[in-house]
Amino acid sequence: MAKPQEKVSFGQRLKQIGMVFQFTAKQDRWFAPLAAGAVLIPLALTVVAVILWGWLWLPIGILFALLAVLIVLNLRSNKAMMNAAEGQPGAAAQIMESMRGDWRVTPAVSSTTQMDMVHLVIGRPGVILLAEGHPQRVRGLLGQEKRRLAKVIGSAPLHDYVIGQGEGELPIRKLRMTLMRLPRTLNGKDVNSLDKRLKALTARPQMPKGAIPKNMRPPGRAFRQTRGR
């Protein structure tokens, strides 16, 4: 099940907005002029309204200016983040984890030493595989994952994308919109059931930490015979 979101205080929210402002200003040279225009134009109109119709328009104008700045920030920060994420390993998984909605993301279910990787996403549209890396190598990884998942997903839809700028590839800046436009063919119960089956499939057994218990050790004679071969 999706984890409940933690409550964020007003001070933390302001700090987050400030960090987004700084990041966007560094990445986008048009952000500062657009943000300034978003403030100055509503305030100029507010001054005119106050002169003509009274001080009642002052708080309304301030609210319009704040709203305009937030709209500009939202649009330009999304673009800046997409540009910064272009070509970064694991960027597709990070974007999916930040999306609103019930998206179950498992980063790098398959990978290579050359930083090629395939991410697994489960949601209302079905099962989604996102591949990042060298196109030829990741297509081989995609084929392996599709054959492996086909054993357990049943009739659930399976979508796969290669993230990149080449022909037949999906640019990372279009990832959100592309997945949001997929038809919602599964309900919440189907997503939970599918998530459980795929977690059991992708679970990797780990060696126990610490010393091996005596009852699990091979007999000394068998160990010596093995070494003598």
C-alpha atoms as a PDB file:
ATOM      1  CA  MET A   1       0.000   0.000   0.000  1.00  0.00           C
ATOM      2  CA  ALA A   2       1.132   3.564  -0.588  1.00  0.00           C
ATOM      3  CA  LYS A   3       2.745   5.202   2.430  1.00  0.00           C
ATOM      4  CA  PRO A   4       0.765   8.047   3.986  1.00  0.00           C
ATOM      5  CA  GLN A   5       2.310  11.454   3.362  1.00  0.00           C
ATOM      6  CA  GLU A   6       3.872  13.173   6.359  1.00  0.00           C
ATOM      7  CA  LYS A   7       2.448  16.554   7.355  1.00  0.00           C
ATOM      8  CA  VAL A   8       4.676  19.504   6.471  1.00  0.00           C
ATOM      9  CA  SER A   9       4.657  22.614   8.668  1.00  0.00           C
ATOM     10  CA  PHE A  10       4.213  26.107   7.263  1.00  0.00           C
ATOM     11  CA  GLY A  11       7.861  26.951   7.898  1.00  0.00           C
ATOM     12  CA  GLN A  12       9.063  23.812   6.129  1.00  0.00           C
ATOM     13  CA  ARG A  13       6.783  24.583   3.201  1.00  0.00           C
ATOM     14  CA  LEU A  14       8.271  28.077   2.875  1.00  0.00           C
ATOM     15  CA  LYS A  15      11.769  26.600   3.025  1.00  0.00           C
ATOM     16  CA  GLN A  16      10.896  24.143   0.247  1.00  0.00           C
ATOM     17  CA  ILE A  17       9.512  26.957  -1.926  1.00  0.00           C
ATOM     18  CA  GLY A  18      12.702  28.957  -1.341  1.00  0.00           C
ATOM     19  CA  MET A  19      14.850  26.010  -2.416  1.00  0.00           C
ATOM     20  CA  VAL A  20      12.751  25.584  -5.555  1.00  0.00           C
ATOM     21  CA  PHE A  21      13.154  29.308  -6.296  1.00  0.00           C
ATOM     22  CA  GLN A  22      16.949  29.066  -6.013  1.00  0.00           C
ATOM     23  CA  PHE A  23      17.177  25.901  -8.104  1.00  0.00           C
ATOM     24  CA  THR A  24      14.922  27.263 -10.854  1.00  0.00           C
ATOM     25  CA  ALA A  25      16.751  30.592 -10.999  1.00  0.00           C
ATOM     26  CA  LYS A  26      20.071  28.780 -11.520  1.00  0.00           C
ATOM     27  CA  GLN A  27      18.708  26.450 -14.200  1.00  0.00           C
ATOM     28  CA  ASP A  28      16.409  28.856 -16.100  1.00  0.00           C
ATOM     29  CA  ARG A  29      17.632  32.318 -17.128  1.00  0.00           C
ATOM     30  CA  TRP A  30      14.067  33.380 -18.000  1.00  0.00           C
ATOM     31  CA  PHE A  31      12.639  32.579 -14.591  1.00  0.00           C
ATOM     32  CA  ALA A  32      13.697  35.790 -12.807  1.00  0.00           C
ATOM     33  CA  PRO A  33      12.272  38.164 -15.486  1.00  0.00           C
ATOM     34  CA  LEU A  34       9.036  36.187 -15.694  1.00  0.00           C
ATOM     35  CA  ALA A  35       8.659  36.089 -11.909  1.00  0.00           C
ATOM     36  CA  ALA A  36       9.303  39.842 -11.711  1.00  0.00           C
ATOM     37  CA  GLY A  37       6.666  40.470 -14.366  1.00  0.00           C
ATOM     38  CA  ALA A  38       4.221  38.221 -12.523  1.00  0.00           C
ATOM     39  CA  VAL A  39       4.602  40.477  -9.482  1.00  0.00           C
ATOM     40  CA  LEU A  40       4.835  43.909 -11.059  1.00  0.00           C
ATOM     41  CA  ILE A  41       1.941  43.672 -13.526  1.00  0.00           C
ATOM     42  CA  PRO A  42      -0.739  42.695 -10.935  1.00  0.00           C
ATOM     43  CA  LEU A  43       0.653  45.259  -8.455  1.00  0.00           C
ATOM     44  CA  ALA A  44       0.536  48.018 -11.090  1.00  0.00           C
ATOM     45  CA  LEU A  45      -3.069  47.148 -11.872  1.00  0.00           C
ATOM     46  CA  THR A  46      -3.782  47.089  -8.136  1.00  0.00           C
ATOM     47  CA  VAL A  47      -2.450  50.628  -7.707  1.00  0.00           C
ATOM     48  CA  VAL A  48      -4.758  51.826 -10.470  1.00  0.00           C
ATOM     49  CA  ALA A  49      -7.698  49.995  -8.907  1.00  0.00           C
ATOM     50  CA  VAL A  50      -6.947  51.465  -5.471  1.00  0.00           C
ATOM     51  CA  ILE A  51      -6.834  54.977  -6.916  1.00  0.00           C
ATOM     52  CA  LEU A  52     -10.120  54.536  -8.783  1.00  0.00           C
ATOM     53  CA  TRP A  53     -12.150  52.378  -6.404  1.00  0.00           C
ATOM     54  CA  GLY A  54     -10.467  52.414  -2.992  1.00  0.00           C
ATOM     55  CA  TRP A  55      -8.245  50.347  -0.722  1.00  0.00           C
ATOM     56  CA  LEU A  56     -10.469  47.295  -0.934  1.00  0.00           C
ATOM     57  CA  TRP A  57      -8.556  46.221  -4.040  1.00  0.00           C
ATOM     58  CA  LEU A  58      -5.160  46.164  -2.294  1.00  0.00           C
ATOM     59  CA  PRO A  59      -5.413  42.682  -0.670  1.00  0.00           C
ATOM     60  CA  ILE A  60      -7.038  41.322  -3.824  1.00  0.00           C
ATOM     61  CA  GLY A  61      -4.140  42.608  -5.929  1.00  0.00           C
ATOM     62  CA  ILE A  62      -1.563  41.125  -3.554  1.00  0.00           C
ATOM     63  CA  LEU A  63      -3.274  37.739  -3.746  1.00  0.00           C
ATOM     64  CA  PHE A  64      -3.298  37.903  -7.543  1.00  0.00           C
ATOM     65  CA  ALA A  65       0.432  38.738  -7.542  1.00  0.00           C
ATOM     66  CA  LEU A  66       1.233  35.771  -5.268  1.00  0.00           C
ATOM     67  CA  LEU A  67      -0.880  33.462  -7.394  1.00  0.00           C
ATOM     68  CA  ALA A  68       0.857  34.644 -10.577  1.00  0.00           C
ATOM     69  CA  VAL A  69       4.311  34.016  -9.051  1.00  0.00           C
ATOM     70  CA  LEU A  70       3.337  30.505  -7.941  1.00  0.00           C
ATOM     71  CA  ILE A  71       2.018  29.682 -11.428  1.00  0.00           C
ATOM     72  CA  VAL A  72       5.263  30.876 -13.023  1.00  0.00           C
ATOM     73  CA  LEU A  73       7.286  28.951 -10.430  1.00  0.00           C
ATOM     74  CA  ASN A  74       5.357  25.746 -11.045  1.00  0.00           C
ATOM     75  CA  LEU A  75       5.706  25.905 -14.829  1.00  0.00           C
ATOM     76  CA  ARG A  76       9.355  26.932 -14.965  1.00  0.00           C
ATOM     77  CA  SER A  77      10.526  24.675 -12.102  1.00  0.00           C
ATOM     78  CA  ASN A  78       9.060  21.597 -13.806  1.00  0.00           C
ATOM     79  CA  LYS A  79      10.894  22.486 -16.989  1.00  0.00           C
ATOM     80  CA  ALA A  80      14.134  23.155 -15.096  1.00  0.00           C
ATOM     81  CA  MET A  81      13.929  19.813 -13.276  1.00  0.00           C
ATOM     82  CA  MET A  82      13.336  17.955 -16.530  1.00  0.00           C
ATOM     83  CA  ASN A  83      16.341  19.635 -18.143  1.00  0.00           C
ATOM     84  CA  ALA A  84      18.535  18.843 -15.133  1.00  0.00           C
ATOM     85  CA  ALA A  85      17.374  15.206 -15.100  1.00  0.00           C
ATOM     86  CA  GLU A  86      18.153  14.662 -18.786  1.00  0.00           C
ATOM     87  CA  GLY A  87      20.770  11.923 -19.086  1.00  0.00           C
ATOM     88  CA  GLN A  88      21.095  11.317 -15.332  1.00  0.00           C
ATOM     89  CA  PRO A  89      21.026   7.600 -14.324  1.00  0.00           C
ATOM     90  CA  GLY A  90      17.920   6.768 -12.301  1.00  0.00           C
ATOM     91  CA  ALA A  91      16.144  10.024 -13.188  1.00  0.00           C
ATOM     92  CA  ALA A  92      13.044   8.240 -14.519  1.00  0.00           C
ATOM     93  CA  ALA A  93      12.536   6.380 -11.231  1.00  0.00           C
ATOM     94  CA  GLN A  94      12.941   9.598  -9.222  1.00  0.00           C
ATOM     95  CA  ILE A  95      10.340  11.350 -11.365  1.00  0.00           C
ATOM     96  CA  MET A  96       7.883   8.488 -10.924  1.00  0.00           C
ATOM     97  CA  GLU A  97       8.398   8.470  -7.150  1.00  0.00           C
ATOM     98  CA  SER A  98       7.540  12.180  -7.024  1.00  0.00           C
ATOM     99  CA  MET A  99       4.336  11.840  -9.083  1.00  0.00           C
ATOM    100  CA  ARG A 100       0.967  12.125  -7.420  1.00  0.00           C
ATOM    101  CA  GLY A 101      -1.235   9.071  -7.356  1.00  0.00           C
ATOM    102  CA  ASP A 102      -0.817   5.400  -6.530  1.00  0.00           C
ATOM    103  CA  TRP A 103       2.397   4.528  -8.354  1.00  0.00           C
ATOM    104  CA  ARG A 104       4.431   1.616  -6.958  1.00  0.00           C
ATOM    105  CA  VAL A 105       8.037   2.159  -8.099  1.00  0.00           C
ATOM    106  CA  THR A 106      10.887  -0.368  -7.850  1.00  0.00           C
ATOM    107  CA  PRO A 107      14.078   1.220  -9.184  1.00  0.00           C
ATOM    108  CA  ALA A 108      16.619  -0.855 -11.127  1.00  0.00           C
ATOM    109  CA  VAL A 109      14.971  -4.274 -11.058  1.00  0.00           C
ATOM    110  CA  SER A 110      17.496  -5.096 -13.779  1.00  0.00           C
ATOM    111  CA  SER A 111      20.813  -3.345 -14.427  1.00  0.00           C
ATOM    112  CA  THR A 112      24.313  -3.632 -15.854  1.00  0.00           C
ATOM    113  CA  THR A 113      27.715  -2.375 -14.736  1.00  0.00           C
ATOM    114  CA  GLN A 114      27.509   0.291 -17.476  1.00  0.00           C
ATOM    115  CA  MET A 115      24.646   2.018 -15.576  1.00  0.00           C
ATOM    116  CA  ASP A 116      21.943   0.612 -17.858  1.00  0.00           C
ATOM    117  CA  MET A 117      18.823  -0.091 -15.811  1.00  0.00           C
ATOM    118  CA  VAL A 118      15.163  -1.008 -16.013  1.00  0.00           C
ATOM    119  CA  HIS A 119      12.679   0.352 -13.452  1.00  0.00           C
ATOM    120  CA  LEU A 120       9.412  -1.374 -12.573  1.00  0.00           C
ATOM    121  CA  VAL A 121       6.272   0.716 -12.028  1.00  0.00           C
ATOM    122  CA  ILE A 122       2.851  -0.599 -11.022  1.00  0.00           C
ATOM    123  CA  GLY A 123      -0.234   1.586 -11.223  1.00  0.00           C
ATOM    124  CA  ARG A 124      -3.772   1.863 -12.481  1.00  0.00           C
ATOM    125  CA  PRO A 125      -2.594   1.615 -16.129  1.00  0.00           C
ATOM    126  CA  GLY A 126      -0.958  -1.756 -15.369  1.00  0.00           C
ATOM    127  CA  VAL A 127       2.732  -2.711 -15.346  1.00  0.00           C
ATOM    128  CA  ILE A 128       5.235  -0.223 -16.765  1.00  0.00           C
ATOM    129  CA  LEU A 129       8.910  -0.832 -17.524  1.00  0.00           C
ATOM    130  CA  LEU A 130      11.172   2.208 -17.920  1.00  0.00           C
ATOM    131  CA  ALA A 131      14.628   1.606 -19.398  1.00  0.00           C
ATOM    132  CA  GLU A 132      17.554   4.033 -19.121  1.00  0.00           C
ATOM    133  CA  GLY A 133      20.980   3.665 -20.679  1.00  0.00           C
ATOM    134  CA  HIS A 134      22.465   2.544 -23.988  1.00  0.00           C
ATOM    135  CA  PRO A 135      19.553   1.763 -26.352  1.00  0.00           C
ATOM    136  CA  GLN A 136      20.854  -1.607 -27.562  1.00  0.00           C
ATOM    137  CA  ARG A 137      21.756  -2.905 -24.122  1.00  0.00           C
ATOM    138  CA  VAL A 138      18.551  -1.733 -22.419  1.00  0.00           C
ATOM    139  CA  ARG A 139      16.387  -3.303 -25.117  1.00  0.00           C
ATOM    140  CA  GLY A 140      17.942  -6.634 -24.201  1.00  0.00           C
ATOM    141  CA  LEU A 141      17.185  -5.982 -20.520  1.00  0.00           C
ATOM    142  CA  LEU A 142      13.624  -5.015 -21.416  1.00  0.00           C
ATOM    143  CA  GLY A 143      13.121  -8.259 -23.305  1.00  0.00           C
ATOM    144  CA  GLN A 144      14.330 -10.293 -20.337  1.00  0.00           C
ATOM    145  CA  GLU A 145      12.060  -8.448 -17.902  1.00  0.00           C
ATOM    146  CA  LYS A 146       9.013  -8.734 -20.157  1.00  0.00           C
ATOM    147  CA  ARG A 147       9.482 -12.504 -20.428  1.00  0.00           C
ATOM    148  CA  ARG A 148       9.956 -12.791 -16.672  1.00  0.00           C
ATOM    149  CA  LEU A 149       6.934 -10.637 -15.774  1.00  0.00           C
ATOM    150  CA  ALA A 150       4.647 -12.315 -18.302  1.00  0.00           C
ATOM    151  CA  LYS A 151       4.566 -15.373 -16.021  1.00  0.00           C
ATOM    152  CA  VAL A 152       2.767 -13.579 -13.189  1.00  0.00           C
ATOM    153  CA  ILE A 153       0.954 -10.445 -14.458  1.00  0.00           C
ATOM    154  CA  GLY A 154      -1.823 -12.387 -16.181  1.00  0.00           C
ATOM    155  CA  SER A 155      -4.065 -10.133 -18.280  1.00  0.00           C
ATOM    156  CA  ALA A 156      -2.727  -6.858 -16.807  1.00  0.00           C
ATOM    157  CA  PRO A 157      -1.465  -4.440 -19.488  1.00  0.00           C
ATOM    158  CA  LEU A 158       2.317  -4.216 -19.882  1.00  0.00           C
ATOM    159  CA  HIS A 159       3.863  -0.982 -21.183  1.00  0.00           C
ATOM    160  CA  ASP A 160       7.554  -0.432 -21.826  1.00  0.00           C
ATOM    161  CA  TYR A 161       9.528   2.691 -22.718  1.00  0.00           C
ATOM    162  CA  VAL A 162      13.155   3.494 -23.456  1.00  0.00           C
ATOM    163  CA  ILE A 163      14.047   6.918 -22.045  1.00  0.00           C
ATOM    164  CA  GLY A 164      16.106   9.020 -24.442  1.00  0.00           C
ATOM    165  CA  GLN A 165      16.146  11.414 -27.380  1.00  0.00           C
ATOM    166  CA  GLY A 166      16.546   8.894 -30.216  1.00  0.00           C
ATOM    167  CA  GLU A 167      13.962   7.564 -32.631  1.00  0.00           C
ATOM    168  CA  GLY A 168      11.295   5.511 -30.866  1.00  0.00           C
ATOM    169  CA  GLU A 169      12.481   6.701 -27.443  1.00  0.00           C
ATOM    170  CA  LEU A 170      10.581   8.723 -24.852  1.00  0.00           C
ATOM    171  CA  PRO A 171      12.113  12.069 -23.777  1.00  0.00           C
ATOM    172  CA  ILE A 172      12.195  12.294 -20.002  1.00  0.00           C
ATOM    173  CA  ARG A 173      10.363  15.645 -20.058  1.00  0.00           C
ATOM    174  CA  LYS A 174       7.376  13.851 -21.608  1.00  0.00           C
ATOM    175  CA  LEU A 175       7.391  10.955 -19.125  1.00  0.00           C
ATOM    176  CA  ARG A 176       4.785  12.360 -16.722  1.00  0.00           C
ATOM    177  CA  MET A 177       2.316  13.360 -19.398  1.00  0.00           C
ATOM    178  CA  THR A 178       2.715  10.086 -21.304  1.00  0.00           C
ATOM    179  CA  LEU A 179       1.984   7.917 -18.271  1.00  0.00           C
ATOM    180  CA  MET A 180      -0.872  10.125 -17.080  1.00  0.00           C
ATOM    181  CA  ARG A 181      -2.552   9.652 -20.461  1.00  0.00           C
ATOM    182  CA  LEU A 182      -2.472   5.841 -20.265  1.00  0.00           C
ATOM    183  CA  PRO A 183      -5.929   4.291 -19.806  1.00  0.00           C
ATOM    184  CA  ARG A 184      -6.761   3.279 -16.227  1.00  0.00           C
ATOM    185  CA  THR A 185      -7.671  -0.376 -16.656  1.00  0.00           C
ATOM    186  CA  LEU A 186      -7.050  -1.610 -13.078  1.00  0.00           C
ATOM    187  CA  ASN A 187      -8.770  -0.735  -9.816  1.00  0.00           C
ATOM    188  CA  GLY A 188      -7.112  -0.409  -6.419  1.00  0.00           C
ATOM    189  CA  LYS A 189      -7.662  -4.069  -5.515  1.00  0.00           C
ATOM    190  CA  ASP A 190      -6.077  -5.201  -8.778  1.00  0.00           C
ATOM    191  CA  VAL A 191      -3.058  -2.966  -8.186  1.00  0.00           C
ATOM    192  CA  ASN A 192      -2.546  -4.381  -4.669  1.00  0.00           C
ATOM    193  CA  SER A 193      -2.784  -7.967  -5.904  1.00  0.00           C
ATOM    194  CA  LEU A 194      -0.403  -7.295  -8.773  1.00  0.00           C
ATOM    195  CA  ASP A 195       2.036  -5.537  -6.464  1.00  0.00           C
ATOM    196  CA  LYS A 196       2.176  -8.530  -4.107  1.00  0.00           C
ATOM    197  CA  ARG A 197       2.815 -10.992  -6.945  1.00  0.00           C
ATOM    198  CA  LEU A 198       5.565  -8.895  -8.467  1.00  0.00           C
ATOM    199  CA  LYS A 199       7.248  -8.248  -5.116  1.00  0.00           C
ATOM    200  CA  ALA A 200       7.411 -12.002  -4.564  1.00  0.00           C
ATOM    201  CA  LEU A 201       8.903 -12.396  -8.041  1.00  0.00           C
ATOM    202  CA  THR A 202      11.513  -9.646  -7.704  1.00  0.00           C
ATOM    203  CA  ALA A 203      12.486 -10.426  -4.090  1.00  0.00           C
ATOM    204  CA  ARG A 204      16.151 -11.305  -3.831  1.00  0.00           C
ATOM    205  CA  PRO A 205      17.242 -13.659  -1.006  1.00  0.00           C
ATOM    206  CA  GLN A 206      19.999 -12.248   1.176  1.00  0.00           C
ATOM    207  CA  MET A 207      22.697 -14.111   3.096  1.00  0.00           C
ATOM    208  CA  PRO A 208      22.210 -13.955   6.876  1.00  0.00           C
ATOM    209  CA  LYS A 209      24.569 -11.596   8.687  1.00  0.00           C
ATOM    210  CA  GLY A 210      26.993 -12.805  11.360  1.00  0.00           C
ATOM    211  CA  ALA A 211      28.462 -16.235  11.986  1.00  0.00           C
ATOM    212  CA  ILE A 212      26.856 -19.291  10.410  1.00  0.00           C
ATOM    213  CA  PRO A 213      24.960 -21.331  13.056  1.00  0.00           C
ATOM    214  CA  LYS A 214      26.593 -24.634  14.000  1.00  0.00           C
ATOM    215  CA  ASN A 215      23.573 -26.654  12.892  1.00  0.00           C
ATOM    216  CA  MET A 216      23.937 -25.174   9.369  1.00  0.00           C
ATOM    217  CA  ARG A 217      27.672 -25.859   9.018  1.00  0.00           C
ATOM    218  CA  PRO A 218      28.809 -28.881   6.982  1.00  0.00           C
ATOM    219  CA  PRO A 219      30.586 -31.666   8.886  1.00  0.00           C
ATOM    220  CA  GLY A 220      34.341 -31.188   9.196  1.00  0.00           C
ATOM    221  CA  ARG A 221      35.039 -34.452   7.365  1.00  0.00           C
ATOM    222  CA  ALA A 222      32.901 -33.409   4.400  1.00  0.00           C
ATOM    223  CA  PHE A 223      34.658 -30.029   4.308  1.00  0.00           C
ATOM    224  CA  ARG A 224      38.086 -31.694   4.286  1.00  0.00           C
ATOM    225  CA  GLN A 225      37.020 -34.088   1.536  1.00  0.00           C
ATOM    226  CA  THR A 226      35.772 -31.170  -0.545  1.00  0.00           C
ATOM    227  CA  ARG A 227      39.084 -29.347  -0.153  1.00  0.00           C
ATOM    228  CA  GLY A 228      41.030 -32.458  -1.066  1.00  0.00           C
ATOM    229  CA  ARG A 229      39.289 -32.798  -4.444  1.00  0.00           C
END
